[in-house]
Amino acid sequence: MRILYFDAGLLHSKGAIFDGRYAVVGTTNFDQRSFKINAENDLHIYDARVAARLVGLVRTYELKSVEYTLEEFYERGAWSRTWECLWTPLEHEF
């Protein structure tokens, strides 16, 4: 698994491509608020050509991104860890 940080702007959409044929693109987050409260939508596409175009789009985003390593995660400072502890209980409210 890799985590990439895209610093060239904001990407709110989410997507997944399976076996080069099936793709899901949308705005749904994987949290309880998105599943239960927000009216978010996803598009499911079964088309190899569309999946290939989406793979190309992801590659362009990867080229503009920086990889965030596990070591960097563990080395983050006290301020980041404190902010995470304070924010996590409130994240379902926003």
Protein backbone atom coordinates (compact mmCIF):
# COMPACT_ATOMS: atom_id res chain seq x y z
CA MET A 1 0.00 0.00 0.00
CA ARG A 2 1.18 3.51 -0.80
CA ILE A 3 -0.03 6.87 0.46
CA LEU A 4 0.54 9.78 -1.89
CA TYR A 5 0.17 13.44 -0.97
CA PHE A 6 -1.22 15.53 -3.85
CA ASP A 7 -0.08 19.11 -3.26
CA ALA A 8 -1.18 20.60 -6.60
CA GLY A 9 -4.80 21.15 -5.52
CA LEU A 10 -7.77 19.45 -3.92
CA LEU A 11 -9.06 16.07 -5.07
CA HIS A 12 -12.37 15.27 -3.39
CA SER A 13 -13.51 12.46 -5.64
CA LYS A 14 -12.67 8.89 -4.81
CA GLY A 15 -12.12 6.07 -7.24
CA ALA A 16 -11.14 2.46 -7.59
CA ILE A 17 -10.34 0.32 -10.61
CA PHE A 18 -10.65 -3.45 -10.48
CA ASP A 19 -9.08 -5.89 -12.95
CA GLY A 20 -8.78 -3.17 -15.60
CA ARG A 21 -12.50 -3.48 -16.40
CA TYR A 22 -14.62 -2.26 -13.52
CA ALA A 23 -14.37 1.23 -12.01
CA VAL A 24 -16.10 3.12 -9.24
CA VAL A 25 -15.87 6.92 -9.10
CA GLY A 26 -17.70 9.17 -6.67
CA THR A 27 -17.63 11.29 -3.54
CA THR A 28 -18.57 8.78 -0.84
CA ASN A 29 -16.14 8.62 2.07
CA PHE A 30 -15.65 5.41 3.99
CA ASP A 31 -17.12 6.66 7.26
CA GLN A 32 -20.44 6.43 9.08
CA ARG A 33 -21.50 9.98 8.23
CA SER A 34 -21.20 9.38 4.49
CA PHE A 35 -23.03 6.09 4.71
CA LYS A 36 -25.88 7.21 6.98
CA ILE A 37 -26.36 10.99 6.60
CA ASN A 38 -24.76 12.49 3.49
CA ALA A 39 -26.45 12.07 0.15
CA GLU A 40 -23.34 11.10 -1.76
CA ASN A 41 -23.21 9.25 -5.06
CA ASP A 42 -20.89 6.88 -6.86
CA LEU A 43 -20.82 5.84 -10.47
CA HIS A 44 -20.11 2.17 -11.24
CA ILE A 45 -18.69 1.54 -14.72
CA TYR A 46 -17.99 -1.79 -16.37
CA ASP A 47 -15.92 -0.80 -19.41
CA ALA A 48 -12.25 -1.56 -20.06
CA ARG A 49 -11.72 1.63 -22.09
CA VAL A 50 -13.06 3.87 -19.34
CA ALA A 51 -11.03 1.97 -16.72
CA ALA A 52 -7.88 2.45 -18.82
CA ARG A 53 -8.52 6.19 -19.09
CA LEU A 54 -8.99 6.40 -15.34
CA VAL A 55 -5.72 4.53 -14.78
CA GLY A 56 -4.02 7.15 -16.97
CA LEU A 57 -5.60 9.94 -14.96
CA VAL A 58 -4.39 8.40 -11.71
CA ARG A 59 -0.87 8.14 -13.15
CA THR A 60 -0.86 11.88 -13.91
CA TYR A 61 -1.88 12.59 -10.31
CA GLU A 62 0.86 10.26 -9.06
CA LEU A 63 3.47 12.23 -11.01
CA LYS A 64 2.37 15.40 -9.18
CA SER A 65 2.36 13.72 -5.76
CA VAL A 66 4.85 12.96 -3.02
CA GLU A 67 4.87 9.59 -1.27
CA TYR A 68 4.20 9.64 2.47
CA THR A 69 6.14 6.81 4.09
CA LEU A 70 5.38 4.83 7.22
CA GLU A 71 8.56 6.18 8.76
CA GLU A 72 7.37 9.76 8.18
CA PHE A 73 4.05 8.89 9.79
CA TYR A 74 5.78 7.59 12.93
CA GLU A 75 8.12 10.60 13.03
CA ARG A 76 5.38 13.25 12.88
CA GLY A 77 5.61 15.77 15.69
CA ALA A 78 3.76 16.25 18.94
CA TRP A 79 1.52 18.97 17.45
CA SER A 80 0.26 16.65 14.70
CA ARG A 81 -0.43 13.83 17.14
CA THR A 82 -2.23 16.19 19.56
CA TRP A 83 -4.36 17.65 16.75
CA GLU A 84 -5.34 14.14 15.62
CA CYS A 85 -6.41 13.20 19.16
CA LEU A 86 -8.49 16.38 19.51
CA TRP A 87 -10.05 16.23 16.04
CA THR A 88 -10.91 12.52 15.79
CA PRO A 89 -13.89 12.62 18.24
CA LEU A 90 -15.37 15.57 16.32
CA GLU A 91 -14.90 14.36 12.75
CA HIS A 92 -18.41 12.89 12.54
CA GLU A 93 -19.93 16.30 13.30
CA PHE A 94 -18.61 18.06 10.20
